[in-house]
N, C-alpha and C. Protein backbone atom coordinates (compact mmCIF):
# COMPACT_ATOMS: atom_id res chain seq x y z
N MET A 1 -22.18 -17.81 25.95
CA MET A 1 -21.18 -18.47 25.16
C MET A 1 -21.15 -17.89 23.74
N ARG A 2 -22.32 -17.58 23.19
CA ARG A 2 -22.38 -16.97 21.86
C ARG A 2 -21.68 -15.62 21.84
N LYS A 3 -21.89 -14.85 22.92
CA LYS A 3 -21.26 -13.53 23.01
C LYS A 3 -19.75 -13.65 23.00
N ASP A 4 -19.24 -14.61 23.76
CA ASP A 4 -17.79 -14.82 23.81
C ASP A 4 -17.25 -15.26 22.46
N PHE A 5 -18.00 -16.14 21.77
CA PHE A 5 -17.57 -16.59 20.46
C PHE A 5 -17.57 -15.43 19.46
N LYS A 6 -18.61 -14.61 19.49
CA LYS A 6 -18.69 -13.46 18.60
C LYS A 6 -17.55 -12.49 18.88
N LYS A 7 -17.26 -12.28 20.16
CA LYS A 7 -16.16 -11.40 20.55
C LYS A 7 -14.83 -11.94 20.04
N PHE A 8 -14.64 -13.26 20.13
CA PHE A 8 -13.43 -13.90 19.65
C PHE A 8 -13.28 -13.76 18.14
N ILE A 9 -14.36 -14.01 17.41
CA ILE A 9 -14.32 -13.96 15.95
C ILE A 9 -14.06 -12.54 15.46
N LEU A 10 -14.62 -11.56 16.11
CA LEU A 10 -14.50 -10.18 15.65
C LEU A 10 -13.26 -9.46 16.17
N ARG A 11 -12.43 -10.15 16.91
CA ARG A 11 -11.17 -9.55 17.35
C ARG A 11 -10.28 -9.31 16.14
N GLY A 12 -9.43 -8.31 16.23
CA GLY A 12 -8.55 -7.96 15.12
C GLY A 12 -7.63 -9.07 14.70
N ASN A 13 -7.10 -9.86 15.64
CA ASN A 13 -6.14 -10.90 15.30
C ASN A 13 -6.75 -11.96 14.39
N VAL A 14 -7.98 -12.38 14.67
CA VAL A 14 -8.63 -13.42 13.89
C VAL A 14 -8.93 -12.89 12.49
N ILE A 15 -9.41 -11.68 12.40
CA ILE A 15 -9.72 -11.09 11.10
C ILE A 15 -8.44 -10.90 10.28
N ASP A 16 -7.37 -10.42 10.92
CA ASP A 16 -6.09 -10.26 10.23
C ASP A 16 -5.58 -11.60 9.71
N LEU A 17 -5.70 -12.63 10.51
CA LEU A 17 -5.27 -13.96 10.09
C LEU A 17 -6.10 -14.46 8.92
N ALA A 18 -7.41 -14.26 8.96
CA ALA A 18 -8.27 -14.69 7.87
C ALA A 18 -7.92 -13.97 6.57
N ILE A 19 -7.65 -12.67 6.67
CA ILE A 19 -7.27 -11.89 5.49
C ILE A 19 -5.95 -12.40 4.94
N ALA A 20 -5.00 -12.69 5.82
CA ALA A 20 -3.70 -13.18 5.38
C ALA A 20 -3.82 -14.52 4.65
N VAL A 21 -4.69 -15.40 5.16
CA VAL A 21 -4.87 -16.70 4.51
C VAL A 21 -5.50 -16.53 3.13
N VAL A 22 -6.51 -15.68 3.03
CA VAL A 22 -7.18 -15.46 1.75
C VAL A 22 -6.22 -14.84 0.74
N ILE A 23 -5.48 -13.84 1.17
CA ILE A 23 -4.53 -13.19 0.25
C ILE A 23 -3.44 -14.17 -0.18
N GLY A 24 -2.93 -14.93 0.77
CA GLY A 24 -1.90 -15.91 0.44
C GLY A 24 -2.40 -16.95 -0.55
N ALA A 25 -3.61 -17.43 -0.34
CA ALA A 25 -4.17 -18.43 -1.24
C ALA A 25 -4.43 -17.86 -2.63
N SER A 26 -4.90 -16.62 -2.69
CA SER A 26 -5.21 -16.05 -3.99
C SER A 26 -3.94 -15.69 -4.77
N PHE A 27 -2.89 -15.29 -4.06
CA PHE A 27 -1.65 -14.97 -4.74
C PHE A 27 -0.83 -16.20 -5.12
N ASN A 28 -1.15 -17.34 -4.55
CA ASN A 28 -0.34 -18.54 -4.77
C ASN A 28 -0.25 -18.90 -6.26
N GLY A 29 -1.37 -18.97 -6.93
CA GLY A 29 -1.35 -19.32 -8.35
C GLY A 29 -0.64 -18.29 -9.20
N VAL A 30 -0.88 -17.02 -8.90
CA VAL A 30 -0.25 -15.95 -9.67
C VAL A 30 1.26 -15.97 -9.48
N ILE A 31 1.69 -16.09 -8.25
CA ILE A 31 3.12 -16.07 -7.97
C ILE A 31 3.80 -17.32 -8.50
N SER A 32 3.16 -18.47 -8.37
CA SER A 32 3.74 -19.70 -8.91
C SER A 32 3.92 -19.59 -10.42
N SER A 33 2.93 -19.06 -11.08
CA SER A 33 3.03 -18.86 -12.53
C SER A 33 4.11 -17.85 -12.88
N LEU A 34 4.18 -16.77 -12.12
CA LEU A 34 5.21 -15.76 -12.35
C LEU A 34 6.61 -16.36 -12.24
N VAL A 35 6.82 -17.15 -11.20
CA VAL A 35 8.14 -17.76 -11.02
C VAL A 35 8.42 -18.78 -12.10
N LYS A 36 7.44 -19.65 -12.38
CA LYS A 36 7.65 -20.73 -13.36
C LYS A 36 7.80 -20.19 -14.79
N ASP A 37 6.98 -19.21 -15.14
CA ASP A 37 6.94 -18.76 -16.53
C ASP A 37 7.84 -17.57 -16.84
N LEU A 38 8.16 -16.75 -15.84
CA LEU A 38 8.96 -15.55 -16.12
C LEU A 38 10.30 -15.52 -15.39
N ILE A 39 10.29 -15.72 -14.09
CA ILE A 39 11.51 -15.58 -13.30
C ILE A 39 12.49 -16.71 -13.59
N THR A 40 12.02 -17.95 -13.58
CA THR A 40 12.90 -19.09 -13.83
C THR A 40 13.57 -19.00 -15.21
N PRO A 41 12.84 -18.71 -16.28
CA PRO A 41 13.52 -18.56 -17.58
C PRO A 41 14.50 -17.38 -17.61
N LEU A 42 14.17 -16.31 -16.87
CA LEU A 42 15.08 -15.17 -16.82
C LEU A 42 16.38 -15.54 -16.12
N VAL A 43 16.27 -16.23 -15.00
CA VAL A 43 17.47 -16.69 -14.29
C VAL A 43 18.20 -17.74 -15.12
N ALA A 44 17.44 -18.58 -15.82
CA ALA A 44 18.05 -19.60 -16.66
C ALA A 44 18.81 -18.97 -17.83
N ALA A 45 18.31 -17.85 -18.34
CA ALA A 45 19.01 -17.16 -19.43
C ALA A 45 20.36 -16.64 -18.95
N ILE A 46 20.39 -16.23 -17.69
CA ILE A 46 21.65 -15.74 -17.12
C ILE A 46 22.55 -16.90 -16.70
N GLY A 47 21.95 -17.91 -16.03
CA GLY A 47 22.73 -19.02 -15.50
C GLY A 47 22.87 -20.21 -16.43
N GLY A 48 22.02 -20.32 -17.44
CA GLY A 48 22.13 -21.39 -18.41
C GLY A 48 21.30 -22.63 -18.12
N LYS A 49 20.59 -22.68 -17.01
CA LYS A 49 19.76 -23.85 -16.69
C LYS A 49 18.29 -23.48 -16.89
N PRO A 50 17.58 -24.07 -17.89
CA PRO A 50 16.22 -23.65 -18.21
C PRO A 50 15.14 -24.10 -17.22
N ASN A 51 15.39 -25.15 -16.42
CA ASN A 51 14.33 -25.65 -15.55
C ASN A 51 14.93 -26.06 -14.21
N PHE A 52 14.58 -25.35 -13.16
CA PHE A 52 15.13 -25.65 -11.84
C PHE A 52 14.55 -26.92 -11.23
N THR A 53 13.34 -27.29 -11.64
CA THR A 53 12.71 -28.45 -11.00
C THR A 53 13.46 -29.74 -11.28
N SER A 54 14.25 -29.80 -12.30
CA SER A 54 14.98 -31.03 -12.60
C SER A 54 16.35 -31.08 -11.91
N LEU A 55 16.71 -30.05 -11.16
CA LEU A 55 17.99 -30.04 -10.46
C LEU A 55 17.91 -30.93 -9.22
N TYR A 56 18.88 -31.80 -9.07
CA TYR A 56 18.91 -32.68 -7.90
C TYR A 56 20.33 -33.17 -7.66
N PHE A 57 20.54 -33.73 -6.48
CA PHE A 57 21.79 -34.43 -6.21
C PHE A 57 21.43 -35.78 -5.58
N THR A 58 22.35 -36.71 -5.66
CA THR A 58 22.08 -38.07 -5.19
C THR A 58 23.06 -38.45 -4.09
N ILE A 59 22.52 -39.02 -3.02
CA ILE A 59 23.34 -39.59 -1.95
C ILE A 59 22.78 -40.98 -1.66
N HIS A 60 23.62 -41.99 -1.82
CA HIS A 60 23.23 -43.39 -1.58
C HIS A 60 21.93 -43.74 -2.30
N HIS A 61 21.85 -43.44 -3.55
CA HIS A 61 20.71 -43.75 -4.43
C HIS A 61 19.43 -43.01 -4.05
N SER A 62 19.53 -41.96 -3.23
CA SER A 62 18.37 -41.13 -2.90
C SER A 62 18.53 -39.78 -3.59
N ARG A 63 17.50 -39.34 -4.28
CA ARG A 63 17.55 -38.07 -4.99
C ARG A 63 16.97 -36.95 -4.12
N PHE A 64 17.68 -35.84 -4.07
CA PHE A 64 17.24 -34.65 -3.36
C PHE A 64 17.03 -33.54 -4.39
N TYR A 65 15.76 -33.20 -4.64
CA TYR A 65 15.40 -32.21 -5.66
C TYR A 65 15.45 -30.81 -5.05
N TYR A 66 16.59 -30.17 -5.16
CA TYR A 66 16.74 -28.83 -4.62
C TYR A 66 16.24 -27.77 -5.60
N GLY A 67 16.06 -28.08 -6.85
CA GLY A 67 15.55 -27.13 -7.83
C GLY A 67 14.11 -26.72 -7.53
N ASP A 68 13.31 -27.68 -7.11
CA ASP A 68 11.93 -27.38 -6.73
C ASP A 68 11.90 -26.46 -5.52
N PHE A 69 12.83 -26.69 -4.59
CA PHE A 69 12.94 -25.82 -3.42
C PHE A 69 13.31 -24.39 -3.83
N ILE A 70 14.20 -24.25 -4.80
CA ILE A 70 14.59 -22.92 -5.29
C ILE A 70 13.37 -22.20 -5.86
N ASN A 71 12.56 -22.91 -6.65
CA ASN A 71 11.33 -22.30 -7.19
C ASN A 71 10.39 -21.87 -6.07
N SER A 72 10.21 -22.71 -5.06
CA SER A 72 9.33 -22.36 -3.94
C SER A 72 9.87 -21.17 -3.16
N LEU A 73 11.17 -21.12 -2.96
CA LEU A 73 11.78 -20.01 -2.23
C LEU A 73 11.61 -18.69 -2.99
N VAL A 74 11.82 -18.71 -4.28
CA VAL A 74 11.63 -17.50 -5.09
C VAL A 74 10.16 -17.07 -5.05
N SER A 75 9.25 -18.04 -5.11
CA SER A 75 7.81 -17.72 -5.03
C SER A 75 7.49 -17.06 -3.70
N PHE A 76 8.03 -17.59 -2.62
CA PHE A 76 7.77 -17.03 -1.30
C PHE A 76 8.30 -15.60 -1.19
N ILE A 77 9.50 -15.36 -1.68
CA ILE A 77 10.09 -14.02 -1.59
C ILE A 77 9.28 -13.02 -2.40
N ILE A 78 8.83 -13.41 -3.58
CA ILE A 78 8.01 -12.52 -4.40
C ILE A 78 6.67 -12.26 -3.72
N LEU A 79 6.04 -13.31 -3.19
CA LEU A 79 4.77 -13.16 -2.50
C LEU A 79 4.91 -12.23 -1.30
N ALA A 80 5.94 -12.43 -0.50
CA ALA A 80 6.15 -11.56 0.67
C ALA A 80 6.38 -10.11 0.26
N THR A 81 7.13 -9.90 -0.81
CA THR A 81 7.39 -8.55 -1.30
C THR A 81 6.11 -7.88 -1.78
N VAL A 82 5.31 -8.60 -2.54
CA VAL A 82 4.06 -8.04 -3.05
C VAL A 82 3.12 -7.70 -1.90
N ILE A 83 2.98 -8.60 -0.94
CA ILE A 83 2.10 -8.33 0.21
C ILE A 83 2.60 -7.14 1.00
N PHE A 84 3.92 -7.06 1.20
CA PHE A 84 4.47 -5.95 1.97
C PHE A 84 4.19 -4.61 1.31
N PHE A 85 4.48 -4.51 0.01
CA PHE A 85 4.34 -3.22 -0.67
C PHE A 85 2.91 -2.88 -1.08
N LEU A 86 2.08 -3.86 -1.34
CA LEU A 86 0.72 -3.57 -1.79
C LEU A 86 -0.34 -3.69 -0.71
N VAL A 87 -0.01 -4.31 0.44
CA VAL A 87 -0.99 -4.45 1.50
C VAL A 87 -0.51 -3.79 2.79
N ILE A 88 0.62 -4.22 3.30
CA ILE A 88 1.09 -3.76 4.61
C ILE A 88 1.44 -2.28 4.60
N GLN A 89 2.23 -1.83 3.63
CA GLN A 89 2.63 -0.42 3.58
C GLN A 89 1.42 0.52 3.46
N PRO A 90 0.48 0.27 2.56
CA PRO A 90 -0.70 1.17 2.50
C PRO A 90 -1.52 1.17 3.79
N ILE A 91 -1.68 0.01 4.41
CA ILE A 91 -2.44 -0.04 5.66
C ILE A 91 -1.71 0.73 6.75
N ASN A 92 -0.39 0.56 6.86
CA ASN A 92 0.37 1.31 7.86
C ASN A 92 0.27 2.81 7.62
N LYS A 93 0.29 3.23 6.37
CA LYS A 93 0.16 4.64 6.04
C LYS A 93 -1.21 5.18 6.46
N LEU A 94 -2.26 4.41 6.18
CA LEU A 94 -3.61 4.83 6.59
C LEU A 94 -3.72 4.91 8.11
N ILE A 95 -3.14 3.96 8.81
CA ILE A 95 -3.19 3.98 10.27
C ILE A 95 -2.44 5.19 10.81
N SER A 96 -1.27 5.49 10.24
CA SER A 96 -0.51 6.65 10.73
C SER A 96 -1.24 7.95 10.42
N LEU A 97 -1.93 8.03 9.29
CA LEU A 97 -2.70 9.23 8.98
C LEU A 97 -3.88 9.40 9.93
N SER A 98 -4.51 8.30 10.29
CA SER A 98 -5.65 8.40 11.22
C SER A 98 -5.18 8.75 12.62
N LYS A 99 -3.98 8.36 13.00
CA LYS A 99 -3.46 8.68 14.33
C LYS A 99 -3.00 10.13 14.42
N LYS A 100 -2.70 10.77 13.29
CA LYS A 100 -2.30 12.17 13.31
C LYS A 100 -3.45 13.06 13.77
N ASP A 101 -4.68 12.65 13.45
CA ASP A 101 -5.86 13.43 13.84
C ASP A 101 -6.16 13.33 15.33
N GLN A 102 -5.67 12.29 15.97
CA GLN A 102 -5.94 12.08 17.39
C GLN A 102 -4.86 12.76 18.23
N LEU A 103 -5.28 13.35 19.33
CA LEU A 103 -4.31 13.93 20.25
C LEU A 103 -3.74 12.83 21.13
N PRO A 104 -2.46 12.92 21.46
CA PRO A 104 -1.91 11.93 22.38
C PRO A 104 -2.62 12.00 23.72
N GLN A 105 -2.73 10.88 24.41
CA GLN A 105 -3.46 10.80 25.66
C GLN A 105 -2.87 11.75 26.71
N GLU A 106 -1.55 11.89 26.78
CA GLU A 106 -0.94 12.75 27.79
C GLU A 106 -1.11 14.24 27.48
N ALA A 107 -1.54 14.59 26.28
CA ALA A 107 -1.73 15.99 25.91
C ALA A 107 -3.19 16.42 26.08
N THR A 108 -3.97 15.62 26.79
CA THR A 108 -5.38 15.95 26.99
C THR A 108 -5.73 15.90 28.47
N LYS A 109 -6.88 16.49 28.79
CA LYS A 109 -7.43 16.43 30.15
C LYS A 109 -8.94 16.41 30.03
N SER A 110 -9.60 16.14 31.13
CA SER A 110 -11.06 16.12 31.13
C SER A 110 -11.59 17.46 31.66
N CYS A 111 -12.65 17.92 31.03
CA CYS A 111 -13.33 19.13 31.51
C CYS A 111 -14.04 18.78 32.82
N PRO A 112 -13.86 19.57 33.86
CA PRO A 112 -14.51 19.25 35.14
C PRO A 112 -16.04 19.43 35.08
N GLU A 113 -16.54 20.18 34.13
CA GLU A 113 -17.99 20.44 34.04
C GLU A 113 -18.71 19.35 33.25
N CYS A 114 -18.22 19.06 32.01
CA CYS A 114 -18.94 18.13 31.15
C CYS A 114 -18.19 16.81 30.92
N LEU A 115 -16.98 16.71 31.45
CA LEU A 115 -16.13 15.51 31.36
C LEU A 115 -15.69 15.18 29.94
N SER A 116 -15.73 16.14 29.04
CA SER A 116 -15.23 15.94 27.68
C SER A 116 -13.71 15.97 27.68
N VAL A 117 -13.11 15.31 26.72
CA VAL A 117 -11.65 15.31 26.58
C VAL A 117 -11.26 16.54 25.78
N ILE A 118 -10.37 17.36 26.36
CA ILE A 118 -9.93 18.61 25.73
C ILE A 118 -8.42 18.69 25.80
N PRO A 119 -7.80 19.54 24.96
CA PRO A 119 -6.35 19.69 25.02
C PRO A 119 -5.88 20.18 26.38
N LEU A 120 -4.68 19.77 26.77
CA LEU A 120 -4.12 20.10 28.07
C LEU A 120 -3.97 21.60 28.27
N LYS A 121 -3.63 22.34 27.21
CA LYS A 121 -3.39 23.77 27.33
C LYS A 121 -4.65 24.62 27.15
N ALA A 122 -5.80 24.00 26.99
CA ALA A 122 -7.04 24.74 26.78
C ALA A 122 -7.41 25.52 28.03
N THR A 123 -7.93 26.75 27.84
CA THR A 123 -8.39 27.57 28.96
C THR A 123 -9.92 27.61 29.03
N ARG A 124 -10.58 27.10 27.96
CA ARG A 124 -12.03 27.05 27.92
C ARG A 124 -12.42 25.74 27.22
N CYS A 125 -13.45 25.09 27.72
CA CYS A 125 -13.91 23.83 27.14
C CYS A 125 -14.60 24.11 25.80
N ALA A 126 -14.24 23.33 24.79
CA ALA A 126 -14.83 23.50 23.46
C ALA A 126 -16.26 22.97 23.39
N PHE A 127 -16.66 22.16 24.36
CA PHE A 127 -17.98 21.53 24.31
C PHE A 127 -19.01 22.31 25.14
N CYS A 128 -18.63 22.67 26.37
CA CYS A 128 -19.61 23.35 27.23
C CYS A 128 -19.21 24.82 27.50
N THR A 129 -18.10 25.23 26.97
CA THR A 129 -17.52 26.58 27.08
C THR A 129 -17.23 27.01 28.52
N ALA A 130 -17.07 26.07 29.41
CA ALA A 130 -16.72 26.40 30.80
C ALA A 130 -15.31 26.94 30.86
N LYS A 131 -15.10 27.95 31.68
CA LYS A 131 -13.77 28.51 31.89
C LYS A 131 -13.00 27.54 32.78
N LEU A 132 -11.78 27.22 32.37
CA LEU A 132 -10.97 26.23 33.08
C LEU A 132 -9.84 26.90 33.82
N LYS A 133 -9.46 26.28 34.91
CA LYS A 133 -8.30 26.77 35.66
C LYS A 133 -7.03 26.37 34.94
N SER A 134 -6.05 27.19 34.93
CA SER A 134 -4.79 26.90 34.22
C SER A 134 -3.98 25.84 34.91
């Protein structure tokens, strides 16, 4: 049971999820401050409304604060953009660079003598130097 649990914890999906949660939590304060202190006043300078959190509409004496939703939406878009450009893009680039070094599976064959993986067009094994049939 311990082996299965260890295997589960060390799977890529669980680790990716844990990283996403940590990054999201750490960026939350920064992004909230960025939206509240910089983006909202910038939009307010253009649109004329200095504080979105006070925006609301009323239906049957119930207030619906859509300004707070606007702040949260802007925070989410900024957070997603930052994660995409500073985390996802660099990781994808590193993965693509590491895959360039690997030969595609269909472009390889096994050496009949030592069972090493060698290029399909090879005439001699690079590991045991056995002469191969074409």
